[in-house]
Amino acid sequence: SVIELPEATHQRRIADLSPKAQRIYADLERDFCAQVKGGEVTASNALVKLLRLQQTTSGRVTVESDGSEPTMVKIDDAKEKGLIDLLTDVPTDEPVVVFGRFKADLASVHAAACAVGRESLELSGSRRELKEWQRGDAPILAVQISSGGTGIDLTRAAVVCYLSTGFSLGDYEQSLARAHRPGQERAVSYYHFVARDTVDEKVYDALRQRKQVVEAILDGINTKEVSR
């Protein structure tokens, strides 16, 4: 027998990067390198560049300076502010799951939760607090998308957000199916935070069209260069 699941809707929430983050993004996109206070952000090839661009839209970048260990530097909080706005509109006890690719995204989730006076837990490579969240110890769960895949049950939440997704169609589809699955009794709302005029838009479009992200984006870049 076919199991009828409740409705699922998707909404894009646009985030506008600060002028500083826009400059770093534009430099990286053009030169594979951007100057940041204390050092520089570099990308050795097209794939690393995509990763660095996506890190930039998440608001924290890996900065390298001569002779010292790379450090994470916060350059923007557009998505964090967007999440605060969304959480403000959601009842305080409403369970919310927020996916992100980077540890920086998880830090943004906890900061946003704190800003609206709510407890938050985490499911990632370093923190395994799924059972506590399922039990109701906190309403908000920050999930690293690579850890939130097969087999976990997030049906306690009917509000699911993405600060970033990574480039894996498989990971993305697995994450969608964690809340929208048998056991879910409410309509599920997915909110995708997308930085305007950035790689985020291409990633979101590719995933929604069920395309392999990296190939779709690199094809787009190559096609543009050929048509010049």
N, C-alpha and C. Protein backbone atom coordinates (compact mmCIF):
# COMPACT_ATOMS: atom_id res chain seq x y z
N SER A 1 0.84 -1.19 0.00
CA SER A 1 0.00 0.00 0.00
C SER A 1 0.88 1.25 0.00
N VAL A 2 0.40 2.31 -0.66
CA VAL A 2 1.14 3.56 -0.75
C VAL A 2 0.84 4.40 0.49
N ILE A 3 1.91 4.87 1.14
CA ILE A 3 1.71 5.71 2.33
C ILE A 3 1.57 7.16 1.86
N GLU A 4 0.45 7.79 2.23
CA GLU A 4 0.22 9.20 1.88
C GLU A 4 0.95 10.08 2.90
N LEU A 5 1.90 10.87 2.43
CA LEU A 5 2.59 11.79 3.33
C LEU A 5 1.93 13.16 3.28
N PRO A 6 2.03 13.95 4.36
CA PRO A 6 1.50 15.31 4.32
C PRO A 6 2.23 16.14 3.26
N GLU A 7 1.69 17.31 2.97
CA GLU A 7 2.28 18.19 1.96
C GLU A 7 3.66 18.69 2.40
N ALA A 8 4.52 18.97 1.43
CA ALA A 8 5.81 19.62 1.71
C ALA A 8 5.95 20.81 0.79
N THR A 9 6.34 21.96 1.35
CA THR A 9 6.53 23.17 0.54
C THR A 9 7.96 23.68 0.69
N HIS A 10 8.46 24.32 -0.36
CA HIS A 10 9.82 24.88 -0.36
C HIS A 10 9.76 26.38 -0.57
N GLN A 11 10.53 27.11 0.23
CA GLN A 11 10.60 28.56 0.08
C GLN A 11 12.04 29.03 0.11
N ARG A 12 12.37 29.92 -0.83
CA ARG A 12 13.72 30.49 -0.87
C ARG A 12 13.70 31.78 -0.06
N ARG A 13 14.64 31.92 0.89
CA ARG A 13 14.77 33.15 1.67
C ARG A 13 16.07 33.82 1.25
N ILE A 14 15.95 35.00 0.67
CA ILE A 14 17.13 35.68 0.14
C ILE A 14 17.91 36.37 1.25
N ALA A 15 19.23 36.19 1.25
CA ALA A 15 20.12 36.88 2.19
C ALA A 15 21.03 37.82 1.39
N ASP A 16 21.14 39.06 1.83
CA ASP A 16 22.03 40.02 1.15
C ASP A 16 23.32 40.15 1.94
N LEU A 17 24.43 39.75 1.30
CA LEU A 17 25.73 39.82 1.96
C LEU A 17 26.13 41.28 2.18
N SER A 18 26.92 41.49 3.22
CA SER A 18 27.45 42.84 3.50
C SER A 18 28.41 43.25 2.39
N PRO A 19 28.67 44.56 2.21
CA PRO A 19 29.64 45.01 1.20
C PRO A 19 31.01 44.32 1.35
N LYS A 20 31.45 44.13 2.59
CA LYS A 20 32.74 43.46 2.82
C LYS A 20 32.72 42.03 2.27
N ALA A 21 31.66 41.29 2.61
CA ALA A 21 31.56 39.90 2.14
C ALA A 21 31.40 39.85 0.62
N GLN A 22 30.67 40.81 0.05
CA GLN A 22 30.52 40.88 -1.41
C GLN A 22 31.87 41.10 -2.09
N ARG A 23 32.70 41.95 -1.48
CA ARG A 23 34.03 42.21 -2.07
C ARG A 23 34.89 40.95 -2.04
N ILE A 24 34.91 40.28 -0.88
CA ILE A 24 35.70 39.04 -0.75
C ILE A 24 35.19 38.00 -1.76
N TYR A 25 33.87 37.90 -1.87
CA TYR A 25 33.27 36.94 -2.81
C TYR A 25 33.69 37.26 -4.24
N ALA A 26 33.60 38.53 -4.64
CA ALA A 26 33.93 38.94 -6.01
C ALA A 26 35.41 38.69 -6.32
N ASP A 27 36.28 39.00 -5.35
CA ASP A 27 37.73 38.77 -5.54
C ASP A 27 38.03 37.29 -5.72
N LEU A 28 37.41 36.47 -4.88
CA LEU A 28 37.61 35.01 -4.96
C LEU A 28 37.13 34.47 -6.31
N GLU A 29 35.95 34.95 -6.71
CA GLU A 29 35.35 34.47 -7.96
C GLU A 29 36.24 34.82 -9.15
N ARG A 30 36.81 36.02 -9.10
CA ARG A 30 37.61 36.51 -10.23
C ARG A 30 39.05 35.97 -10.21
N ASP A 31 39.66 36.01 -9.02
CA ASP A 31 41.11 35.78 -8.94
C ASP A 31 41.52 34.50 -8.20
N PHE A 32 40.55 33.72 -7.70
CA PHE A 32 40.86 32.54 -6.87
C PHE A 32 41.57 32.96 -5.57
N CYS A 33 41.49 34.24 -5.21
CA CYS A 33 42.21 34.73 -4.04
C CYS A 33 41.54 36.00 -3.55
N ALA A 34 41.44 36.19 -2.23
CA ALA A 34 40.88 37.42 -1.68
C ALA A 34 41.66 37.81 -0.44
N GLN A 35 41.91 39.11 -0.30
CA GLN A 35 42.61 39.62 0.88
C GLN A 35 41.59 39.84 2.01
N VAL A 36 41.93 39.30 3.18
CA VAL A 36 41.10 39.49 4.36
C VAL A 36 42.04 39.98 5.45
N LYS A 37 41.52 40.81 6.35
CA LYS A 37 42.36 41.31 7.43
C LYS A 37 43.11 40.16 8.10
N GLY A 38 44.43 40.23 8.13
CA GLY A 38 45.22 39.19 8.77
C GLY A 38 45.74 38.13 7.82
N GLY A 39 45.36 38.19 6.54
CA GLY A 39 45.87 37.17 5.61
C GLY A 39 45.07 37.14 4.33
N GLU A 40 44.95 35.93 3.74
CA GLU A 40 44.20 35.83 2.50
C GLU A 40 43.45 34.50 2.42
N VAL A 41 42.40 34.50 1.61
CA VAL A 41 41.64 33.29 1.31
C VAL A 41 42.05 32.87 -0.09
N THR A 42 42.44 31.61 -0.25
CA THR A 42 42.89 31.16 -1.57
C THR A 42 42.15 29.89 -1.99
N ALA A 43 42.10 29.68 -3.30
CA ALA A 43 41.51 28.46 -3.86
C ALA A 43 42.46 27.93 -4.92
N SER A 44 42.83 26.65 -4.81
CA SER A 44 43.84 26.09 -5.71
C SER A 44 43.26 25.60 -7.03
N ASN A 45 41.95 25.33 -7.07
CA ASN A 45 41.34 24.86 -8.32
C ASN A 45 39.84 25.20 -8.30
N ALA A 46 39.14 24.87 -9.38
CA ALA A 46 37.73 25.27 -9.52
C ALA A 46 36.85 24.69 -8.41
N LEU A 47 37.13 23.43 -8.02
CA LEU A 47 36.30 22.80 -6.99
C LEU A 47 36.51 23.46 -5.63
N VAL A 48 37.77 23.74 -5.31
CA VAL A 48 38.07 24.43 -4.04
C VAL A 48 37.47 25.84 -4.08
N LYS A 49 37.49 26.46 -5.26
CA LYS A 49 36.90 27.80 -5.38
C LYS A 49 35.40 27.75 -5.05
N LEU A 50 34.69 26.75 -5.59
CA LEU A 50 33.27 26.61 -5.27
C LEU A 50 33.05 26.48 -3.76
N LEU A 51 33.91 25.69 -3.12
CA LEU A 51 33.83 25.49 -1.67
C LEU A 51 34.05 26.81 -0.94
N ARG A 52 35.10 27.56 -1.33
CA ARG A 52 35.42 28.84 -0.68
C ARG A 52 34.30 29.86 -0.90
N LEU A 53 33.72 29.87 -2.11
CA LEU A 53 32.61 30.80 -2.39
C LEU A 53 31.42 30.48 -1.48
N GLN A 54 31.16 29.17 -1.31
CA GLN A 54 30.02 28.79 -0.47
C GLN A 54 30.31 29.12 1.00
N GLN A 55 31.57 28.95 1.42
CA GLN A 55 31.93 29.35 2.79
C GLN A 55 31.69 30.84 2.99
N THR A 56 32.04 31.63 1.97
CA THR A 56 31.87 33.08 2.06
C THR A 56 30.40 33.44 2.28
N THR A 57 29.50 32.76 1.56
CA THR A 57 28.07 33.08 1.72
C THR A 57 27.55 32.61 3.09
N SER A 58 28.27 31.68 3.72
CA SER A 58 27.88 31.25 5.07
C SER A 58 28.46 32.16 6.15
N GLY A 59 29.32 33.12 5.73
CA GLY A 59 29.74 34.16 6.67
C GLY A 59 31.06 33.95 7.39
N ARG A 60 31.74 32.81 7.13
CA ARG A 60 33.04 32.60 7.75
C ARG A 60 33.98 31.97 6.73
N VAL A 61 35.23 32.48 6.67
CA VAL A 61 36.18 31.97 5.68
C VAL A 61 37.46 31.50 6.36
N THR A 62 38.16 30.59 5.68
CA THR A 62 39.45 30.10 6.17
C THR A 62 40.54 31.04 5.67
N VAL A 63 41.21 31.71 6.61
CA VAL A 63 42.23 32.70 6.26
C VAL A 63 43.61 32.13 6.53
N GLU A 64 44.48 32.25 5.52
CA GLU A 64 45.86 31.78 5.65
C GLU A 64 46.78 32.99 5.75
N SER A 65 47.72 32.94 6.69
CA SER A 65 48.75 33.99 6.74
C SER A 65 50.10 33.32 6.91
N ASP A 66 51.15 34.03 6.53
CA ASP A 66 52.50 33.43 6.48
C ASP A 66 52.89 32.76 7.79
N GLY A 67 53.21 31.49 7.67
CA GLY A 67 53.83 30.79 8.79
C GLY A 67 52.93 30.39 9.94
N SER A 68 51.62 30.67 9.85
CA SER A 68 50.76 30.26 10.96
C SER A 68 49.61 29.39 10.45
N GLU A 69 48.96 28.73 11.37
CA GLU A 69 47.85 27.84 11.02
C GLU A 69 46.69 28.65 10.42
N PRO A 70 45.99 28.07 9.43
CA PRO A 70 44.80 28.76 8.91
C PRO A 70 43.77 28.96 10.03
N THR A 71 43.06 30.10 10.00
CA THR A 71 42.06 30.38 11.01
C THR A 71 40.73 30.72 10.34
N MET A 72 39.63 30.48 11.08
CA MET A 72 38.30 30.85 10.59
C MET A 72 37.99 32.28 11.03
N VAL A 73 37.60 33.10 10.07
CA VAL A 73 37.29 34.51 10.36
C VAL A 73 35.84 34.78 9.96
N LYS A 74 35.09 35.41 10.86
CA LYS A 74 33.69 35.75 10.56
C LYS A 74 33.66 37.03 9.73
N ILE A 75 32.99 36.99 8.57
CA ILE A 75 32.95 38.16 7.69
C ILE A 75 31.53 38.65 7.42
N ASP A 76 30.51 37.88 7.82
CA ASP A 76 29.15 38.26 7.47
C ASP A 76 28.15 37.51 8.38
N ASP A 77 26.97 38.12 8.59
CA ASP A 77 25.95 37.44 9.40
C ASP A 77 24.57 37.51 8.73
N ALA A 78 24.55 37.64 7.39
CA ALA A 78 23.26 37.79 6.69
C ALA A 78 22.35 36.58 6.92
N LYS A 79 22.89 35.37 6.80
CA LYS A 79 22.05 34.18 6.96
C LYS A 79 21.63 34.00 8.43
N GLU A 80 22.56 34.34 9.32
CA GLU A 80 22.24 34.25 10.75
C GLU A 80 21.06 35.19 11.08
N LYS A 81 21.11 36.40 10.55
CA LYS A 81 20.01 37.36 10.77
C LYS A 81 18.71 36.85 10.14
N GLY A 82 18.82 36.25 8.95
CA GLY A 82 17.64 35.69 8.29
C GLY A 82 17.00 34.59 9.13
N LEU A 83 17.86 33.76 9.74
CA LEU A 83 17.36 32.67 10.59
C LEU A 83 16.69 33.25 11.84
N ILE A 84 17.28 34.30 12.42
CA ILE A 84 16.67 34.96 13.58
C ILE A 84 15.27 35.47 13.22
N ASP A 85 15.16 36.09 12.04
CA ASP A 85 13.85 36.59 11.60
C ASP A 85 12.83 35.45 11.50
N LEU A 86 13.28 34.33 10.91
CA LEU A 86 12.36 33.19 10.74
C LEU A 86 11.95 32.62 12.10
N LEU A 87 12.92 32.45 12.99
CA LEU A 87 12.63 31.88 14.32
C LEU A 87 11.69 32.79 15.11
N THR A 88 11.83 34.09 14.91
CA THR A 88 10.95 35.05 15.60
C THR A 88 9.49 34.83 15.22
N ASP A 89 9.27 34.37 13.99
CA ASP A 89 7.89 34.13 13.50
C ASP A 89 7.35 32.75 13.87
N VAL A 90 8.20 31.93 14.48
CA VAL A 90 7.81 30.55 14.81
C VAL A 90 7.54 30.47 16.32
N PRO A 91 6.47 29.78 16.75
CA PRO A 91 6.21 29.64 18.20
C PRO A 91 7.45 29.12 18.94
N THR A 92 7.65 29.59 20.16
CA THR A 92 8.89 29.30 20.89
C THR A 92 9.12 27.81 21.12
N ASP A 93 8.04 27.02 21.20
CA ASP A 93 8.21 25.59 21.46
C ASP A 93 8.17 24.75 20.18
N GLU A 94 8.07 25.42 19.02
CA GLU A 94 8.01 24.69 17.74
C GLU A 94 9.38 24.09 17.41
N PRO A 95 9.45 22.76 17.21
CA PRO A 95 10.74 22.15 16.85
C PRO A 95 11.19 22.61 15.45
N VAL A 96 12.46 22.98 15.35
CA VAL A 96 13.04 23.44 14.08
C VAL A 96 14.36 22.72 13.86
N VAL A 97 14.53 22.18 12.65
CA VAL A 97 15.81 21.57 12.26
C VAL A 97 16.48 22.51 11.27
N VAL A 98 17.78 22.79 11.49
CA VAL A 98 18.53 23.64 10.56
C VAL A 98 19.76 22.88 10.07
N PHE A 99 19.80 22.63 8.76
CA PHE A 99 20.94 21.96 8.14
C PHE A 99 21.99 22.97 7.66
N GLY A 100 23.24 22.56 7.72
CA GLY A 100 24.32 23.35 7.14
C GLY A 100 25.48 22.45 6.78
N ARG A 101 26.27 22.90 5.83
CA ARG A 101 27.44 22.11 5.42
C ARG A 101 28.62 22.31 6.37
N PHE A 102 28.78 23.55 6.84
CA PHE A 102 30.00 23.94 7.56
C PHE A 102 29.77 24.07 9.06
N LYS A 103 30.86 23.91 9.82
CA LYS A 103 30.77 24.16 11.27
C LYS A 103 30.33 25.60 11.51
N ALA A 104 30.72 26.50 10.61
CA ALA A 104 30.30 27.91 10.72
C ALA A 104 28.79 28.03 10.69
N ASP A 105 28.13 27.21 9.86
CA ASP A 105 26.66 27.23 9.81
C ASP A 105 26.07 26.81 11.15
N LEU A 106 26.65 25.78 11.75
CA LEU A 106 26.15 25.29 13.04
C LEU A 106 26.32 26.37 14.11
N ALA A 107 27.46 27.08 14.05
CA ALA A 107 27.69 28.19 14.99
C ALA A 107 26.63 29.27 14.80
N SER A 108 26.26 29.52 13.55
CA SER A 108 25.21 30.52 13.27
C SER A 108 23.86 30.09 13.84
N VAL A 109 23.57 28.78 13.76
CA VAL A 109 22.30 28.27 14.30
C VAL A 109 22.25 28.52 15.81
N HIS A 110 23.33 28.18 16.50
CA HIS A 110 23.35 28.35 17.96
C HIS A 110 23.26 29.84 18.34
N ALA A 111 23.94 30.69 17.54
CA ALA A 111 23.88 32.14 17.81
C ALA A 111 22.47 32.68 17.61
N ALA A 112 21.81 32.20 16.53
CA ALA A 112 20.44 32.65 16.25
C ALA A 112 19.48 32.17 17.34
N ALA A 113 19.64 30.91 17.75
CA ALA A 113 18.79 30.35 18.82
C ALA A 113 18.96 31.18 20.10
N CYS A 114 20.20 31.49 20.43
CA CYS A 114 20.50 32.29 21.62
C CYS A 114 19.85 33.67 21.52
N ALA A 115 19.89 34.25 20.31
CA ALA A 115 19.34 35.59 20.10
C ALA A 115 17.82 35.64 20.34
N VAL A 116 17.14 34.53 20.08
CA VAL A 116 15.69 34.50 20.31
C VAL A 116 15.33 33.77 21.61
N GLY A 117 16.36 33.50 22.42
CA GLY A 117 16.12 32.93 23.75
C GLY A 117 15.69 31.48 23.77
N ARG A 118 16.21 30.70 22.81
CA ARG A 118 15.84 29.27 22.77
C ARG A 118 17.07 28.38 22.90
N GLU A 119 16.83 27.20 23.44
CA GLU A 119 17.91 26.20 23.55
C GLU A 119 18.13 25.54 22.20
N SER A 120 19.38 25.13 21.94
CA SER A 120 19.67 24.41 20.69
C SER A 120 20.63 23.26 20.96
N LEU A 121 20.48 22.23 20.17
CA LEU A 121 21.34 21.04 20.24
C LEU A 121 21.97 20.81 18.87
N GLU A 122 22.82 19.81 18.77
CA GLU A 122 23.57 19.63 17.51
C GLU A 122 23.76 18.16 17.17
N LEU A 123 23.69 17.88 15.86
CA LEU A 123 24.05 16.57 15.33
C LEU A 123 25.12 16.80 14.28
N SER A 124 26.36 16.41 14.62
CA SER A 124 27.49 16.65 13.72
C SER A 124 28.56 15.60 13.99
N GLY A 125 29.71 15.77 13.36
CA GLY A 125 30.82 14.85 13.60
C GLY A 125 31.30 14.89 15.04
N SER A 126 31.11 16.04 15.71
CA SER A 126 31.64 16.19 17.07
C SER A 126 30.58 16.15 18.17
N ARG A 127 29.31 16.37 17.81
CA ARG A 127 28.23 16.34 18.82
C ARG A 127 27.08 15.47 18.33
N ARG A 128 26.64 14.54 19.19
CA ARG A 128 25.57 13.61 18.80
C ARG A 128 24.41 13.78 19.77
N GLU A 129 23.61 14.82 19.55
CA GLU A 129 22.56 15.14 20.52
C GLU A 129 21.15 14.92 19.96
N LEU A 130 21.06 13.99 19.00
CA LEU A 130 19.76 13.71 18.36
C LEU A 130 18.73 13.20 19.37
N LYS A 131 19.13 12.24 20.20
CA LYS A 131 18.18 11.64 21.15
C LYS A 131 17.63 12.69 22.10
N GLU A 132 18.50 13.60 22.56
CA GLU A 132 18.07 14.67 23.47
C GLU A 132 17.04 15.58 22.79
N TRP A 133 17.29 15.87 21.51
CA TRP A 133 16.35 16.73 20.76
C TRP A 133 15.02 15.99 20.55
N GLN A 134 15.11 14.72 20.16
CA GLN A 134 13.87 13.94 19.95
C GLN A 134 13.05 13.85 21.25
N ARG A 135 13.75 13.86 22.37
CA ARG A 135 13.11 13.76 23.69
C ARG A 135 12.45 15.09 24.08
N GLY A 136 12.85 16.17 23.40
CA GLY A 136 12.25 17.47 23.69
C GLY A 136 13.07 18.36 24.59
N ASP A 137 14.38 18.04 24.75
CA ASP A 137 15.23 18.86 25.63
C ASP A 137 15.45 20.27 25.09
N ALA A 138 15.31 20.46 23.77
CA ALA A 138 15.47 21.79 23.15
C ALA A 138 14.66 21.79 21.87
N PRO A 139 14.17 22.97 21.44
CA PRO A 139 13.38 23.00 20.21
C PRO A 139 14.20 23.00 18.92
N ILE A 140 15.44 23.49 18.99
CA ILE A 140 16.21 23.71 17.75
C ILE A 140 17.36 22.71 17.66
N LEU A 141 17.50 22.10 16.48
CA LEU A 141 18.59 21.15 16.23
C LEU A 141 19.39 21.60 15.02
N ALA A 142 20.68 21.86 15.24
CA ALA A 142 21.61 22.19 14.15
C ALA A 142 22.21 20.88 13.63
N VAL A 143 22.09 20.64 12.33
CA VAL A 143 22.54 19.36 11.76
C VAL A 143 23.54 19.60 10.64
N GLN A 144 24.73 19.01 10.78
CA GLN A 144 25.69 19.04 9.67
C GLN A 144 25.17 18.06 8.62
N ILE A 145 25.03 18.55 7.39
CA ILE A 145 24.28 17.79 6.38
C ILE A 145 24.91 16.41 6.12
N SER A 146 26.23 16.31 6.26
CA SER A 146 26.89 15.01 6.05
C SER A 146 26.59 14.04 7.18
N SER A 147 26.15 14.55 8.36
CA SER A 147 25.82 13.67 9.50
C SER A 147 24.33 13.41 9.59
N GLY A 148 23.53 14.14 8.78
CA GLY A 148 22.08 14.07 8.95
C GLY A 148 21.40 13.24 7.89
N GLY A 149 22.10 12.25 7.40
CA GLY A 149 21.58 11.49 6.28
C GLY A 149 20.76 10.28 6.67
N THR A 150 21.23 9.13 6.23
CA THR A 150 20.44 7.91 6.27
C THR A 150 19.95 7.55 7.66
N GLY A 151 18.66 7.21 7.71
CA GLY A 151 18.16 6.51 8.89
C GLY A 151 17.74 7.34 10.08
N ILE A 152 18.11 8.63 10.16
CA ILE A 152 17.71 9.36 11.36
C ILE A 152 16.30 9.93 11.20
N ASP A 153 15.60 10.03 12.31
CA ASP A 153 14.20 10.45 12.30
C ASP A 153 14.08 11.87 12.85
N LEU A 154 13.70 12.80 11.98
CA LEU A 154 13.53 14.20 12.39
C LEU A 154 12.05 14.62 12.29
N THR A 155 11.13 13.63 12.36
CA THR A 155 9.71 13.94 12.17
C THR A 155 9.12 14.78 13.30
N ARG A 156 9.87 15.00 14.37
CA ARG A 156 9.40 15.92 15.41
C ARG A 156 9.24 17.34 14.83
N ALA A 157 10.02 17.65 13.79
CA ALA A 157 10.00 18.99 13.19
C ALA A 157 9.16 19.02 11.92
N ALA A 158 8.39 20.11 11.76
CA ALA A 158 7.71 20.37 10.49
C ALA A 158 8.25 21.65 9.85
N VAL A 159 9.27 22.24 10.51
CA VAL A 159 9.99 23.40 9.96
C VAL A 159 11.45 22.99 9.80
N VAL A 160 11.93 23.02 8.56
CA VAL A 160 13.30 22.59 8.25
C VAL A 160 13.97 23.69 7.44
N CYS A 161 15.17 24.09 7.87
CA CYS A 161 15.91 25.18 7.19
C CYS A 161 17.24 24.66 6.67
N TYR A 162 17.73 25.33 5.64
CA TYR A 162 19.06 25.06 5.08
C TYR A 162 19.84 26.36 5.00
N LEU A 163 20.95 26.44 5.77
CA LEU A 163 21.86 27.59 5.62
C LEU A 163 22.81 27.35 4.47
N SER A 164 23.20 26.10 4.27
CA SER A 164 23.94 25.69 3.07
C SER A 164 23.73 24.19 2.92
N THR A 165 24.05 23.66 1.73
CA THR A 165 23.69 22.27 1.47
C THR A 165 24.85 21.35 1.11
N GLY A 166 25.98 21.88 0.74
CA GLY A 166 26.97 21.02 0.12
C GLY A 166 26.58 20.78 -1.33
N PHE A 167 27.35 19.96 -2.03
CA PHE A 167 27.15 19.76 -3.46
C PHE A 167 26.62 18.37 -3.80
N SER A 168 26.27 17.59 -2.77
CA SER A 168 25.83 16.21 -3.02
C SER A 168 24.31 16.14 -3.12
N LEU A 169 23.82 15.77 -4.29
CA LEU A 169 22.38 15.58 -4.48
C LEU A 169 21.86 14.49 -3.54
N GLY A 170 22.65 13.42 -3.38
CA GLY A 170 22.26 12.31 -2.49
C GLY A 170 22.08 12.77 -1.05
N ASP A 171 23.06 13.53 -0.53
CA ASP A 171 22.96 14.04 0.86
C ASP A 171 21.74 14.93 1.01
N TYR A 172 21.50 15.77 0.00
CA TYR A 172 20.38 16.71 0.06
C TYR A 172 19.04 15.94 0.10
N GLU A 173 18.90 14.97 -0.80
CA GLU A 173 17.63 14.23 -0.85
C GLU A 173 17.42 13.39 0.42
N GLN A 174 18.51 12.85 0.95
CA GLN A 174 18.41 12.14 2.24
C GLN A 174 17.93 13.08 3.33
N SER A 175 18.47 14.31 3.33
CA SER A 175 18.11 15.25 4.39
C SER A 175 16.64 15.64 4.30
N LEU A 176 16.13 15.82 3.07
CA LEU A 176 14.71 16.14 2.89
C LEU A 176 13.83 15.04 3.49
N ALA A 177 14.28 13.81 3.32
CA ALA A 177 13.47 12.65 3.72
C ALA A 177 13.56 12.33 5.21
N ARG A 178 14.33 13.12 5.96
CA ARG A 178 14.43 12.87 7.42
C ARG A 178 13.19 13.37 8.15
N ALA A 179 12.61 14.48 7.67
CA ALA A 179 11.42 15.03 8.33
C ALA A 179 10.14 14.66 7.58
N HIS A 180 10.25 14.58 6.26
CA HIS A 180 9.07 14.26 5.44
C HIS A 180 9.10 12.77 5.13
N ARG A 181 8.59 11.99 6.05
CA ARG A 181 8.67 10.53 5.95
C ARG A 181 7.54 9.93 6.78
N PRO A 182 7.31 8.61 6.67
CA PRO A 182 6.28 7.99 7.51
C PRO A 182 6.50 8.33 8.98
N GLY A 183 5.44 8.72 9.65
CA GLY A 183 5.55 9.19 11.04
C GLY A 183 5.31 10.68 11.14
N GLN A 184 5.50 11.38 10.01
CA GLN A 184 5.25 12.83 10.00
C GLN A 184 3.74 13.06 9.83
N GLU A 185 3.16 13.82 10.74
CA GLU A 185 1.71 14.04 10.69
C GLU A 185 1.34 15.45 10.27
N ARG A 186 2.35 16.32 10.10
CA ARG A 186 2.07 17.71 9.73
C ARG A 186 2.70 18.05 8.39
N ALA A 187 2.16 19.07 7.73
CA ALA A 187 2.78 19.56 6.50
C ALA A 187 4.16 20.11 6.85
N VAL A 188 5.16 19.82 6.01
CA VAL A 188 6.53 20.24 6.27
C VAL A 188 6.88 21.46 5.43
N SER A 189 7.45 22.48 6.07
CA SER A 189 7.90 23.69 5.37
C SER A 189 9.43 23.70 5.34
N TYR A 190 10.00 23.74 4.14
CA TYR A 190 11.46 23.83 3.96
C TYR A 190 11.82 25.27 3.59
N TYR A 191 12.80 25.84 4.30
CA TYR A 191 13.27 27.19 4.01
C TYR A 191 14.74 27.14 3.61
N HIS A 192 15.04 27.64 2.43
CA HIS A 192 16.42 27.62 1.91
C HIS A 192 16.97 29.04 1.93
N PHE A 193 18.02 29.25 2.72
CA PHE A 193 18.65 30.58 2.77
C PHE A 193 19.68 30.67 1.65
N VAL A 194 19.46 31.62 0.76
CA VAL A 194 20.26 31.74 -0.47
C VAL A 194 20.81 33.16 -0.55
N ALA A 195 22.13 33.29 -0.63
CA ALA A 195 22.74 34.62 -0.76
C ALA A 195 22.56 35.12 -2.19
N ARG A 196 22.05 36.33 -2.31
CA ARG A 196 21.73 36.90 -3.62
C ARG A 196 22.97 37.01 -4.52
N ASP A 197 22.79 36.68 -5.81
CA ASP A 197 23.84 36.82 -6.83
C ASP A 197 25.10 36.03 -6.49
N THR A 198 24.93 34.84 -5.93
CA THR A 198 26.09 34.01 -5.59
C THR A 198 25.87 32.57 -6.05
N VAL A 199 26.88 31.75 -5.80
CA VAL A 199 26.84 30.33 -6.13
C VAL A 199 25.65 29.63 -5.44
N ASP A 200 25.19 30.19 -4.33
CA ASP A 200 24.03 29.61 -3.63
C ASP A 200 22.85 29.41 -4.57
N GLU A 201 22.61 30.41 -5.44
CA GLU A 201 21.46 30.34 -6.35
C GLU A 201 21.61 29.16 -7.31
N LYS A 202 22.84 28.97 -7.81
CA LYS A 202 23.10 27.87 -8.76
C LYS A 202 22.96 26.52 -8.06
N VAL A 203 23.47 26.44 -6.83
CA VAL A 203 23.38 25.18 -6.06
C VAL A 203 21.92 24.84 -5.79
N TYR A 204 21.15 25.83 -5.34
CA TYR A 204 19.74 25.61 -5.04
C TYR A 204 18.99 25.15 -6.29
N ASP A 205 19.20 25.85 -7.41
CA ASP A 205 18.50 25.48 -8.65
C ASP A 205 18.86 24.07 -9.11
N ALA A 206 20.15 23.73 -9.01
CA ALA A 206 20.59 22.39 -9.44
C ALA A 206 19.96 21.31 -8.56
N LEU A 207 19.95 21.53 -7.25
CA LEU A 207 19.38 20.53 -6.35
C LEU A 207 17.87 20.38 -6.56
N ARG A 208 17.17 21.51 -6.73
CA ARG A 208 15.73 21.43 -6.93
C ARG A 208 15.39 20.74 -8.25
N GLN A 209 16.31 20.83 -9.24
CA GLN A 209 16.09 20.15 -10.52
C GLN A 209 16.70 18.74 -10.53
N ARG A 210 17.15 18.31 -9.34
CA ARG A 210 17.73 16.97 -9.15
C ARG A 210 18.94 16.73 -10.06
N LYS A 211 19.73 17.76 -10.21
CA LYS A 211 20.97 17.64 -11.00
C LYS A 211 22.14 17.43 -10.06
N GLN A 212 23.21 16.85 -10.59
CA GLN A 212 24.46 16.77 -9.83
C GLN A 212 25.07 18.17 -9.82
N VAL A 213 25.25 18.74 -8.63
CA VAL A 213 25.54 20.17 -8.49
C VAL A 213 26.83 20.60 -9.16
N VAL A 214 27.93 19.93 -8.82
CA VAL A 214 29.23 20.38 -9.31
C VAL A 214 29.27 20.39 -10.84
N GLU A 215 28.78 19.31 -11.44
CA GLU A 215 28.78 19.24 -12.90
C GLU A 215 27.93 20.36 -13.48
N ALA A 216 26.75 20.60 -12.91
CA ALA A 216 25.85 21.63 -13.42
C ALA A 216 26.50 23.01 -13.35
N ILE A 217 27.17 23.31 -12.22
CA ILE A 217 27.78 24.63 -12.05
C ILE A 217 29.00 24.79 -12.95
N LEU A 218 29.86 23.78 -12.98
CA LEU A 218 31.07 23.88 -13.82
C LEU A 218 30.69 23.93 -15.30
N ASP A 219 29.66 23.18 -15.69
CA ASP A 219 29.16 23.27 -17.07
C ASP A 219 28.73 24.70 -17.38
N GLY A 220 28.02 25.30 -16.42
CA GLY A 220 27.55 26.68 -16.60
C GLY A 220 28.70 27.64 -16.76
N ILE A 221 29.75 27.48 -15.93
CA ILE A 221 30.93 28.36 -16.00
C ILE A 221 31.63 28.18 -17.35
N ASN A 222 31.81 26.91 -17.75
CA ASN A 222 32.51 26.63 -19.02
C ASN A 222 31.72 27.16 -20.21
N THR A 223 30.39 27.02 -20.16
CA THR A 223 29.54 27.51 -21.25
C THR A 223 29.67 29.02 -21.38
N LYS A 224 29.69 29.70 -20.20
CA LYS A 224 29.84 31.17 -20.23
C LYS A 224 31.16 31.58 -20.89
N GLU A 225 32.24 30.85 -20.52
CA GLU A 225 33.55 31.22 -21.05
C GLU A 225 33.62 30.98 -22.56
N VAL A 226 32.99 29.91 -23.01
CA VAL A 226 32.98 29.61 -24.44
C VAL A 226 32.20 30.68 -25.20
N SER A 227 31.11 31.17 -24.60
CA SER A 227 30.24 32.11 -25.32
C SER A 227 30.79 33.55 -25.34
N ARG A 228 31.87 33.79 -24.58
CA ARG A 228 32.43 35.15 -24.56
C ARG A 228 33.12 35.47 -25.88
